[in-house]
């Protein structure tokens, strides 16, 4: 199998998972013909998708390392095919232990945290939060006092986004035409969400149902936009896709090592920028 054929089959396999569970493809900015081809197929069976992933895994060692398809890219695709194999088996009803499931999805082995670290965090909160009641009650009082009035939310988002964009663009080059459009939404299970549209454009939705706090809003904007998800997408589209033709980077899939890294980068975004 040639590298181009492998990448094409990997992309189509990922798109098929979106037909099993909508949203499994977080974003796809590749060839629209691939999405149309998958949409025209018969509904996929999860166990068959797992078999497809294993077939590509078996073929991977024989794929020529040429034309820019390096061992590093092969390892990337391999890790994501392992994740899709596990996802197909889980969707098919196979029992997979939690630690094994996390290892297959994210390429990490997890263990329980040190309870003393959590106790120390509680002690530090006790020391800085005002009041004399129970710690959870004092935390809730502090959070309520920090809530942003809903009618001020949009202008606060735009202010933080503008300041972060200026700071990030000065250090990490971005295309001149990159754009983030913010929407205030309701009735969603998350605080914020980045919809990357391709061509250096994102729509970021912020949930007004969840009370947004002034102390957390910069972190949310940094996570979704600058230098979080939007910035990551833009720099990968410019550097990996357009310049290096790494078409496997045109699809973002949940429950994969790529997803873990993206969320980790975004969680550290404000720290990295400021």
C-alpha atoms as a PDB file:
ATOM      1  CA  UNK A   1       0.000   0.000   0.000  1.00  0.00           C
ATOM      2  CA  UNK A   2       1.300   3.441  -0.916  1.00  0.00           C
ATOM      3  CA  UNK A   3       1.329   6.242   1.681  1.00  0.00           C
ATOM      4  CA  UNK A   4      -1.385   8.247  -0.104  1.00  0.00           C
ATOM      5  CA  UNK A   5      -3.704   5.222  -0.170  1.00  0.00           C
ATOM      6  CA  UNK A   6      -3.090   4.520   3.531  1.00  0.00           C
ATOM      7  CA  UNK A   7      -3.857   8.118   4.532  1.00  0.00           C
ATOM      8  CA  UNK A   8      -6.980   8.162   2.366  1.00  0.00           C
ATOM      9  CA  UNK A   9      -8.277   4.970   4.001  1.00  0.00           C
ATOM     10  CA  UNK A  10      -7.440   6.322   7.458  1.00  0.00           C
ATOM     11  CA  UNK A  11      -9.421   9.501   6.774  1.00  0.00           C
ATOM     12  CA  UNK A  12     -12.405   7.574   5.438  1.00  0.00           C
ATOM     13  CA  UNK A  13     -12.308   5.235   8.445  1.00  0.00           C
ATOM     14  CA  UNK A  14     -12.375   8.214  10.798  1.00  0.00           C
ATOM     15  CA  UNK A  15     -15.309   9.736   8.911  1.00  0.00           C
ATOM     16  CA  UNK A  16     -17.211   6.444   9.198  1.00  0.00           C
ATOM     17  CA  UNK A  17     -17.010   6.681  13.000  1.00  0.00           C
ATOM     18  CA  UNK A  18     -18.920   9.961  12.782  1.00  0.00           C
ATOM     19  CA  UNK A  19     -21.826   7.961  11.343  1.00  0.00           C
ATOM     20  CA  UNK A  20     -21.729   5.667  14.388  1.00  0.00           C
ATOM     21  CA  UNK A  21     -21.662   8.597  16.817  1.00  0.00           C
ATOM     22  CA  UNK A  22     -22.125  12.134  15.561  1.00  0.00           C
ATOM     23  CA  UNK A  23     -19.330  14.327  16.872  1.00  0.00           C
ATOM     24  CA  UNK A  24     -16.667  11.627  16.815  1.00  0.00           C
ATOM     25  CA  UNK A  25     -15.065  13.738  14.105  1.00  0.00           C
ATOM     26  CA  UNK A  26     -14.329  16.988  15.903  1.00  0.00           C
ATOM     27  CA  UNK A  27     -13.310  18.646  12.636  1.00  0.00           C
ATOM     28  CA  UNK A  28     -12.529  17.637   9.069  1.00  0.00           C
ATOM     29  CA  UNK A  29     -10.958  20.079   6.628  1.00  0.00           C
ATOM     30  CA  UNK A  30      -9.827  17.584   4.000  1.00  0.00           C
ATOM     31  CA  UNK A  31     -11.228  16.653   0.593  1.00  0.00           C
ATOM     32  CA  UNK A  32     -15.043  17.074   0.715  1.00  0.00           C
ATOM     33  CA  UNK A  33     -15.347  14.211  -1.764  1.00  0.00           C
ATOM     34  CA  UNK A  34     -14.227  11.811   0.980  1.00  0.00           C
ATOM     35  CA  UNK A  35     -17.045  12.917   3.275  1.00  0.00           C
ATOM     36  CA  UNK A  36     -19.556  12.598   0.429  1.00  0.00           C
ATOM     37  CA  UNK A  37     -18.275   9.108  -0.393  1.00  0.00           C
ATOM     38  CA  UNK A  38     -18.657   7.980   3.217  1.00  0.00           C
ATOM     39  CA  UNK A  39     -22.134   9.531   3.445  1.00  0.00           C
ATOM     40  CA  UNK A  40     -23.170   7.471   0.411  1.00  0.00           C
ATOM     41  CA  UNK A  41     -22.089   4.160   1.938  1.00  0.00           C
ATOM     42  CA  UNK A  42     -24.340   1.737   3.781  1.00  0.00           C
ATOM     43  CA  UNK A  43     -24.494   2.400   7.543  1.00  0.00           C
ATOM     44  CA  UNK A  44     -21.272   1.027   9.064  1.00  0.00           C
ATOM     45  CA  UNK A  45     -21.073  -1.784  11.560  1.00  0.00           C
ATOM     46  CA  UNK A  46     -18.784  -1.010  14.524  1.00  0.00           C
ATOM     47  CA  UNK A  47     -17.122  -4.433  14.489  1.00  0.00           C
ATOM     48  CA  UNK A  48     -16.350  -3.994  10.792  1.00  0.00           C
ATOM     49  CA  UNK A  49     -14.744  -0.617  11.507  1.00  0.00           C
ATOM     50  CA  UNK A  50     -12.515  -2.294  14.095  1.00  0.00           C
ATOM     51  CA  UNK A  51     -11.513  -4.875  11.491  1.00  0.00           C
ATOM     52  CA  UNK A  52     -10.727  -2.106   9.002  1.00  0.00           C
ATOM     53  CA  UNK A  53      -8.464  -0.452  11.580  1.00  0.00           C
ATOM     54  CA  UNK A  54      -6.620  -3.721  12.224  1.00  0.00           C
ATOM     55  CA  UNK A  55      -6.216  -4.315   8.481  1.00  0.00           C
ATOM     56  CA  UNK A  56      -4.546  -0.929   8.103  1.00  0.00           C
ATOM     57  CA  UNK A  57      -2.392  -1.624  11.150  1.00  0.00           C
ATOM     58  CA  UNK A  58      -1.240  -4.863   9.549  1.00  0.00           C
ATOM     59  CA  UNK A  59      -0.459  -3.044   6.293  1.00  0.00           C
ATOM     60  CA  UNK A  60       1.428  -0.178   7.935  1.00  0.00           C
ATOM     61  CA  UNK A  61       4.868  -1.832   8.275  1.00  0.00           C
ATOM     62  CA  UNK A  62       4.948  -2.427   4.512  1.00  0.00           C
ATOM     63  CA  UNK A  63       4.061   1.144   3.535  1.00  0.00           C
ATOM     64  CA  UNK A  64       7.138   2.727   1.889  1.00  0.00           C
ATOM     65  CA  UNK A  65       8.856   5.433   3.924  1.00  0.00           C
ATOM     66  CA  UNK A  66       9.250   7.894   1.086  1.00  0.00           C
ATOM     67  CA  UNK A  67       7.645  10.994  -0.369  1.00  0.00           C
ATOM     68  CA  UNK A  68       7.649  12.589   3.067  1.00  0.00           C
ATOM     69  CA  UNK A  69       5.990   9.617   4.793  1.00  0.00           C
ATOM     70  CA  UNK A  70       8.440   9.189   7.663  1.00  0.00           C
ATOM     71  CA  UNK A  71       8.639   6.763  10.575  1.00  0.00           C
ATOM     72  CA  UNK A  72       7.273   9.558  12.766  1.00  0.00           C
ATOM     73  CA  UNK A  73       4.166   9.943  10.610  1.00  0.00           C
ATOM     74  CA  UNK A  74       3.741   6.175  10.507  1.00  0.00           C
ATOM     75  CA  UNK A  75       3.875   6.035  14.315  1.00  0.00           C
ATOM     76  CA  UNK A  76       1.260   8.790  14.496  1.00  0.00           C
ATOM     77  CA  UNK A  77      -1.124   6.921  12.195  1.00  0.00           C
ATOM     78  CA  UNK A  78      -0.444   3.662  14.048  1.00  0.00           C
ATOM     79  CA  UNK A  79      -1.420   5.161  17.414  1.00  0.00           C
ATOM     80  CA  UNK A  80      -4.652   6.523  15.958  1.00  0.00           C
ATOM     81  CA  UNK A  81      -5.553   3.253  14.260  1.00  0.00           C
ATOM     82  CA  UNK A  82      -5.141   1.487  17.618  1.00  0.00           C
ATOM     83  CA  UNK A  83      -7.553   4.022  19.117  1.00  0.00           C
ATOM     84  CA  UNK A  84     -10.100   3.443  16.338  1.00  0.00           C
ATOM     85  CA  UNK A  85      -9.770  -0.333  16.696  1.00  0.00           C
ATOM     86  CA  UNK A  86     -10.669  -0.010  20.380  1.00  0.00           C
ATOM     87  CA  UNK A  87     -13.530   2.385  19.623  1.00  0.00           C
ATOM     88  CA  UNK A  88     -15.005  -0.031  17.076  1.00  0.00           C
ATOM     89  CA  UNK A  89     -14.833  -2.896  19.547  1.00  0.00           C
ATOM     90  CA  UNK A  90     -16.423  -0.796  22.300  1.00  0.00           C
ATOM     91  CA  UNK A  91     -19.240   0.356  20.008  1.00  0.00           C
ATOM     92  CA  UNK A  92     -19.773  -3.312  19.068  1.00  0.00           C
ATOM     93  CA  UNK A  93     -20.347  -4.158  22.736  1.00  0.00           C
ATOM     94  CA  UNK A  94     -17.006  -5.725  23.606  1.00  0.00           C
ATOM     95  CA  UNK A  95     -15.987  -5.360  27.236  1.00  0.00           C
ATOM     96  CA  UNK A  96     -12.707  -3.451  27.564  1.00  0.00           C
ATOM     97  CA  UNK A  97     -11.216  -2.641  30.956  1.00  0.00           C
ATOM     98  CA  UNK A  98     -11.079   1.073  31.752  1.00  0.00           C
ATOM     99  CA  UNK A  99      -7.288   1.339  32.068  1.00  0.00           C
ATOM    100  CA  UNK A 100      -6.846  -0.644  28.847  1.00  0.00           C
ATOM    101  CA  UNK A 101      -9.437   1.535  27.109  1.00  0.00           C
ATOM    102  CA  UNK A 102      -7.650   4.748  28.124  1.00  0.00           C
ATOM    103  CA  UNK A 103      -4.310   3.278  27.016  1.00  0.00           C
ATOM    104  CA  UNK A 104      -5.727   2.329  23.600  1.00  0.00           C
ATOM    105  CA  UNK A 105      -7.414   5.689  23.072  1.00  0.00           C
ATOM    106  CA  UNK A 106      -4.743   8.035  24.376  1.00  0.00           C
ATOM    107  CA  UNK A 107      -1.473   6.060  24.338  1.00  0.00           C
ATOM    108  CA  UNK A 108      -0.916   6.649  28.067  1.00  0.00           C
ATOM    109  CA  UNK A 109      -1.179   4.418  31.127  1.00  0.00           C
ATOM    110  CA  UNK A 110      -3.104   5.983  33.982  1.00  0.00           C
ATOM    111  CA  UNK A 111      -2.973   5.340  37.712  1.00  0.00           C
ATOM    112  CA  UNK A 112      -4.732   6.751  40.747  1.00  0.00           C
ATOM    113  CA  UNK A 113      -3.525  10.107  41.974  1.00  0.00           C
ATOM    114  CA  UNK A 114      -1.849  10.757  45.313  1.00  0.00           C
ATOM    115  CA  UNK A 115      -4.582  11.640  47.787  1.00  0.00           C
ATOM    116  CA  UNK A 116      -2.143  13.753  49.802  1.00  0.00           C
ATOM    117  CA  UNK A 117      -1.872  16.147  46.835  1.00  0.00           C
ATOM    118  CA  UNK A 118      -5.630  16.706  46.949  1.00  0.00           C
ATOM    119  CA  UNK A 119      -5.564  17.162  50.727  1.00  0.00           C
ATOM    120  CA  UNK A 120      -2.813  19.777  50.341  1.00  0.00           C
ATOM    121  CA  UNK A 121      -4.917  21.600  47.716  1.00  0.00           C
ATOM    122  CA  UNK A 122      -7.830  21.665  50.151  1.00  0.00           C
ATOM    123  CA  UNK A 123      -5.583  23.069  52.893  1.00  0.00           C
ATOM    124  CA  UNK A 124      -4.380  25.855  50.582  1.00  0.00           C
ATOM    125  CA  UNK A 125      -7.972  26.705  49.652  1.00  0.00           C
ATOM    126  CA  UNK A 126      -8.910  26.790  53.337  1.00  0.00           C
ATOM    127  CA  UNK A 127      -6.134  29.317  53.917  1.00  0.00           C
ATOM    128  CA  UNK A 128      -7.085  31.776  51.164  1.00  0.00           C
ATOM    129  CA  UNK A 129     -10.889  31.643  50.967  1.00  0.00           C
ATOM    130  CA  UNK A 130     -12.645  34.107  53.286  1.00  0.00           C
ATOM    131  CA  UNK A 131     -15.392  33.069  55.663  1.00  0.00           C
ATOM    132  CA  UNK A 132     -15.858  30.486  58.383  1.00  0.00           C
ATOM    133  CA  UNK A 133     -18.251  27.935  56.874  1.00  0.00           C
ATOM    134  CA  UNK A 134     -17.502  24.607  55.234  1.00  0.00           C
ATOM    135  CA  UNK A 135     -15.001  24.780  52.381  1.00  0.00           C
ATOM    136  CA  UNK A 136     -17.514  23.864  49.601  1.00  0.00           C
ATOM    137  CA  UNK A 137     -19.876  26.617  50.800  1.00  0.00           C
ATOM    138  CA  UNK A 138     -17.079  29.215  50.847  1.00  0.00           C
ATOM    139  CA  UNK A 139     -15.988  28.169  47.351  1.00  0.00           C
ATOM    140  CA  UNK A 140     -19.547  28.564  46.065  1.00  0.00           C
ATOM    141  CA  UNK A 141     -19.874  32.020  47.662  1.00  0.00           C
ATOM    142  CA  UNK A 142     -16.619  33.100  46.029  1.00  0.00           C
ATOM    143  CA  UNK A 143     -17.724  31.824  42.626  1.00  0.00           C
ATOM    144  CA  UNK A 144     -21.122  33.546  42.792  1.00  0.00           C
ATOM    145  CA  UNK A 145     -19.426  36.865  43.597  1.00  0.00           C
ATOM    146  CA  UNK A 146     -17.199  36.416  40.534  1.00  0.00           C
ATOM    147  CA  UNK A 147     -20.017  35.772  38.027  1.00  0.00           C
ATOM    148  CA  UNK A 148     -20.167  37.952  34.926  1.00  0.00           C
ATOM    149  CA  UNK A 149     -23.592  39.515  34.264  1.00  0.00           C
ATOM    150  CA  UNK A 150     -24.997  37.794  31.141  1.00  0.00           C
ATOM    151  CA  UNK A 151     -25.427  41.122  29.332  1.00  0.00           C
ATOM    152  CA  UNK A 152     -21.673  41.822  29.740  1.00  0.00           C
ATOM    153  CA  UNK A 153     -20.460  38.363  28.677  1.00  0.00           C
ATOM    154  CA  UNK A 154     -20.015  39.060  24.949  1.00  0.00           C
ATOM    155  CA  UNK A 155     -17.941  42.230  25.434  1.00  0.00           C
ATOM    156  CA  UNK A 156     -15.770  40.509  28.053  1.00  0.00           C
ATOM    157  CA  UNK A 157     -15.088  37.644  25.653  1.00  0.00           C
ATOM    158  CA  UNK A 158     -14.168  40.025  22.839  1.00  0.00           C
ATOM    159  CA  UNK A 159     -11.869  42.025  25.123  1.00  0.00           C
ATOM    160  CA  UNK A 160      -9.975  38.994  26.358  1.00  0.00           C
ATOM    161  CA  UNK A 161      -9.813  37.512  22.848  1.00  0.00           C
ATOM    162  CA  UNK A 162      -8.391  40.714  21.371  1.00  0.00           C
ATOM    163  CA  UNK A 163      -5.733  41.023  24.075  1.00  0.00           C
ATOM    164  CA  UNK A 164      -4.725  37.361  23.792  1.00  0.00           C
ATOM    165  CA  UNK A 165      -4.700  37.468  19.983  1.00  0.00           C
ATOM    166  CA  UNK A 166      -2.277  40.416  19.971  1.00  0.00           C
ATOM    167  CA  UNK A 167       0.008  38.698  22.460  1.00  0.00           C
ATOM    168  CA  UNK A 168      -0.021  35.332  20.672  1.00  0.00           C
ATOM    169  CA  UNK A 169       0.418  36.701  17.141  1.00  0.00           C
ATOM    170  CA  UNK A 170       3.502  38.641  18.267  1.00  0.00           C
ATOM    171  CA  UNK A 171       5.220  35.374  19.220  1.00  0.00           C
ATOM    172  CA  UNK A 172       3.596  32.654  17.107  1.00  0.00           C
ATOM    173  CA  UNK A 173       2.979  33.702  13.479  1.00  0.00           C
ATOM    174  CA  UNK A 174      -0.557  33.160  12.220  1.00  0.00           C
ATOM    175  CA  UNK A 175      -2.018  33.824   8.750  1.00  0.00           C
ATOM    176  CA  UNK A 176      -3.317  37.371   8.383  1.00  0.00           C
ATOM    177  CA  UNK A 177      -6.797  36.141   7.500  1.00  0.00           C
ATOM    178  CA  UNK A 178      -7.262  33.892  10.537  1.00  0.00           C
ATOM    179  CA  UNK A 179     -10.534  34.687  12.304  1.00  0.00           C
ATOM    180  CA  UNK A 180     -12.526  33.618  15.349  1.00  0.00           C
ATOM    181  CA  UNK A 181     -16.240  34.362  15.537  1.00  0.00           C
ATOM    182  CA  UNK A 182     -17.830  34.060  18.995  1.00  0.00           C
ATOM    183  CA  UNK A 183     -21.393  32.951  19.655  1.00  0.00           C
ATOM    184  CA  UNK A 184     -23.287  32.982  22.944  1.00  0.00           C
ATOM    185  CA  UNK A 185     -25.358  29.791  23.171  1.00  0.00           C
ATOM    186  CA  UNK A 186     -27.566  27.982  25.678  1.00  0.00           C
ATOM    187  CA  UNK A 187     -28.730  24.442  26.395  1.00  0.00           C
ATOM    188  CA  UNK A 188     -25.303  22.843  25.910  1.00  0.00           C
ATOM    189  CA  UNK A 189     -23.460  20.333  28.147  1.00  0.00           C
ATOM    190  CA  UNK A 190     -20.139  22.238  27.974  1.00  0.00           C
ATOM    191  CA  UNK A 191     -18.769  25.658  28.919  1.00  0.00           C
ATOM    192  CA  UNK A 192     -17.180  26.439  25.551  1.00  0.00           C
ATOM    193  CA  UNK A 193     -16.541  24.706  22.221  1.00  0.00           C
ATOM    194  CA  UNK A 194     -14.355  25.380  19.195  1.00  0.00           C
ATOM    195  CA  UNK A 195     -15.752  24.550  15.756  1.00  0.00           C
ATOM    196  CA  UNK A 196     -12.812  24.756  13.371  1.00  0.00           C
ATOM    197  CA  UNK A 197     -14.151  25.463   9.879  1.00  0.00           C
ATOM    198  CA  UNK A 198     -10.860  25.264   7.978  1.00  0.00           C
ATOM    199  CA  UNK A 199      -9.128  28.036   6.046  1.00  0.00           C
ATOM    200  CA  UNK A 200      -7.989  29.525   9.360  1.00  0.00           C
ATOM    201  CA  UNK A 201     -11.499  30.206  10.655  1.00  0.00           C
ATOM    202  CA  UNK A 202     -13.170  29.065  13.872  1.00  0.00           C
ATOM    203  CA  UNK A 203     -16.521  29.570  15.503  1.00  0.00           C
ATOM    204  CA  UNK A 204     -16.263  29.478  19.295  1.00  0.00           C
ATOM    205  CA  UNK A 205     -19.487  28.942  21.210  1.00  0.00           C
ATOM    206  CA  UNK A 206     -19.696  29.987  24.875  1.00  0.00           C
ATOM    207  CA  UNK A 207     -22.505  28.605  27.008  1.00  0.00           C
ATOM    208  CA  UNK A 208     -24.407  31.340  28.852  1.00  0.00           C
ATOM    209  CA  UNK A 209     -26.394  28.782  30.872  1.00  0.00           C
ATOM    210  CA  UNK A 210     -23.269  28.014  32.898  1.00  0.00           C
ATOM    211  CA  UNK A 211     -22.434  31.070  34.938  1.00  0.00           C
ATOM    212  CA  UNK A 212     -19.158  32.387  33.547  1.00  0.00           C
ATOM    213  CA  UNK A 213     -16.713  33.804  36.070  1.00  0.00           C
ATOM    214  CA  UNK A 214     -14.299  36.651  35.491  1.00  0.00           C
ATOM    215  CA  UNK A 215     -11.428  34.635  36.989  1.00  0.00           C
ATOM    216  CA  UNK A 216     -12.013  31.764  34.537  1.00  0.00           C
ATOM    217  CA  UNK A 217     -13.056  33.548  31.347  1.00  0.00           C
ATOM    218  CA  UNK A 218      -9.484  34.341  30.179  1.00  0.00           C
ATOM    219  CA  UNK A 219      -8.658  30.666  30.575  1.00  0.00           C
ATOM    220  CA  UNK A 220     -11.738  29.679  28.551  1.00  0.00           C
ATOM    221  CA  UNK A 221     -10.912  32.103  25.717  1.00  0.00           C
ATOM    222  CA  UNK A 222      -7.261  31.005  25.710  1.00  0.00           C
ATOM    223  CA  UNK A 223      -8.331  27.349  25.686  1.00  0.00           C
ATOM    224  CA  UNK A 224     -10.653  27.698  22.705  1.00  0.00           C
ATOM    225  CA  UNK A 225      -8.831  30.390  20.701  1.00  0.00           C
ATOM    226  CA  UNK A 226      -5.466  32.002  21.501  1.00  0.00           C
ATOM    227  CA  UNK A 227      -3.191  30.061  21.817  1.00  0.00           C
ATOM    228  CA  UNK A 228      -5.482  27.053  22.246  1.00  0.00           C
ATOM    229  CA  UNK A 229      -7.551  25.066  19.772  1.00  0.00           C
ATOM    230  CA  UNK A 230      -7.935  27.728  17.076  1.00  0.00           C
ATOM    231  CA  UNK A 231      -4.225  28.534  17.086  1.00  0.00           C
ATOM    232  CA  UNK A 232      -3.270  24.850  17.015  1.00  0.00           C
ATOM    233  CA  UNK A 233      -5.588  24.192  14.071  1.00  0.00           C
ATOM    234  CA  UNK A 234      -4.271  27.200  12.137  1.00  0.00           C
ATOM    235  CA  UNK A 235      -0.613  26.385  12.636  1.00  0.00           C
ATOM    236  CA  UNK A 236      -1.133  22.733  11.722  1.00  0.00           C
ATOM    237  CA  UNK A 237      -3.093  23.669   8.615  1.00  0.00           C
ATOM    238  CA  UNK A 238      -0.346  26.063   7.534  1.00  0.00           C
ATOM    239  CA  UNK A 239       2.697  24.058   8.571  1.00  0.00           C
ATOM    240  CA  UNK A 240       1.747  20.386   8.349  1.00  0.00           C
ATOM    241  CA  UNK A 241      -1.023  20.295   5.750  1.00  0.00           C
ATOM    242  CA  UNK A 242      -0.215  23.082   3.278  1.00  0.00           C
ATOM    243  CA  UNK A 243       3.586  22.967   3.445  1.00  0.00           C
ATOM    244  CA  UNK A 244       4.225  19.280   4.218  1.00  0.00           C
ATOM    245  CA  UNK A 245       1.082  17.645   2.765  1.00  0.00           C
ATOM    246  CA  UNK A 246       0.372  15.676   5.950  1.00  0.00           C
ATOM    247  CA  UNK A 247      -3.251  15.039   5.074  1.00  0.00           C
ATOM    248  CA  UNK A 248      -3.791  12.893   8.164  1.00  0.00           C
ATOM    249  CA  UNK A 249      -3.815  16.233  10.028  1.00  0.00           C
ATOM    250  CA  UNK A 250      -7.007  17.315   8.249  1.00  0.00           C
ATOM    251  CA  UNK A 251      -9.115  15.202  10.610  1.00  0.00           C
ATOM    252  CA  UNK A 252      -9.454  15.645  14.373  1.00  0.00           C
ATOM    253  CA  UNK A 253     -10.976  12.672  16.181  1.00  0.00           C
ATOM    254  CA  UNK A 254     -12.143  12.374  19.772  1.00  0.00           C
ATOM    255  CA  UNK A 255     -10.779   9.552  21.944  1.00  0.00           C
ATOM    256  CA  UNK A 256      -7.364   9.571  20.259  1.00  0.00           C
ATOM    257  CA  UNK A 257      -3.838  10.655  21.269  1.00  0.00           C
ATOM    258  CA  UNK A 258      -4.383  13.723  19.084  1.00  0.00           C
ATOM    259  CA  UNK A 259      -7.407  14.655  21.215  1.00  0.00           C
ATOM    260  CA  UNK A 260      -5.493  14.207  24.469  1.00  0.00           C
ATOM    261  CA  UNK A 261      -2.646  16.410  23.252  1.00  0.00           C
ATOM    262  CA  UNK A 262      -5.018  19.092  21.940  1.00  0.00           C
ATOM    263  CA  UNK A 263      -6.884  19.311  25.248  1.00  0.00           C
ATOM    264  CA  UNK A 264      -3.647  19.339  27.230  1.00  0.00           C
ATOM    265  CA  UNK A 265      -2.227  22.125  25.067  1.00  0.00           C
ATOM    266  CA  UNK A 266      -5.447  24.107  25.409  1.00  0.00           C
ATOM    267  CA  UNK A 267      -5.567  23.664  29.190  1.00  0.00           C
ATOM    268  CA  UNK A 268      -2.066  25.152  29.368  1.00  0.00           C
ATOM    269  CA  UNK A 269      -2.795  27.873  26.816  1.00  0.00           C
ATOM    270  CA  UNK A 270      -3.230  30.802  29.196  1.00  0.00           C
ATOM    271  CA  UNK A 271      -0.123  29.788  31.118  1.00  0.00           C
ATOM    272  CA  UNK A 272       1.839  29.636  27.856  1.00  0.00           C
ATOM    273  CA  UNK A 273       0.571  33.008  26.618  1.00  0.00           C
ATOM    274  CA  UNK A 274       0.818  35.085  29.796  1.00  0.00           C
END
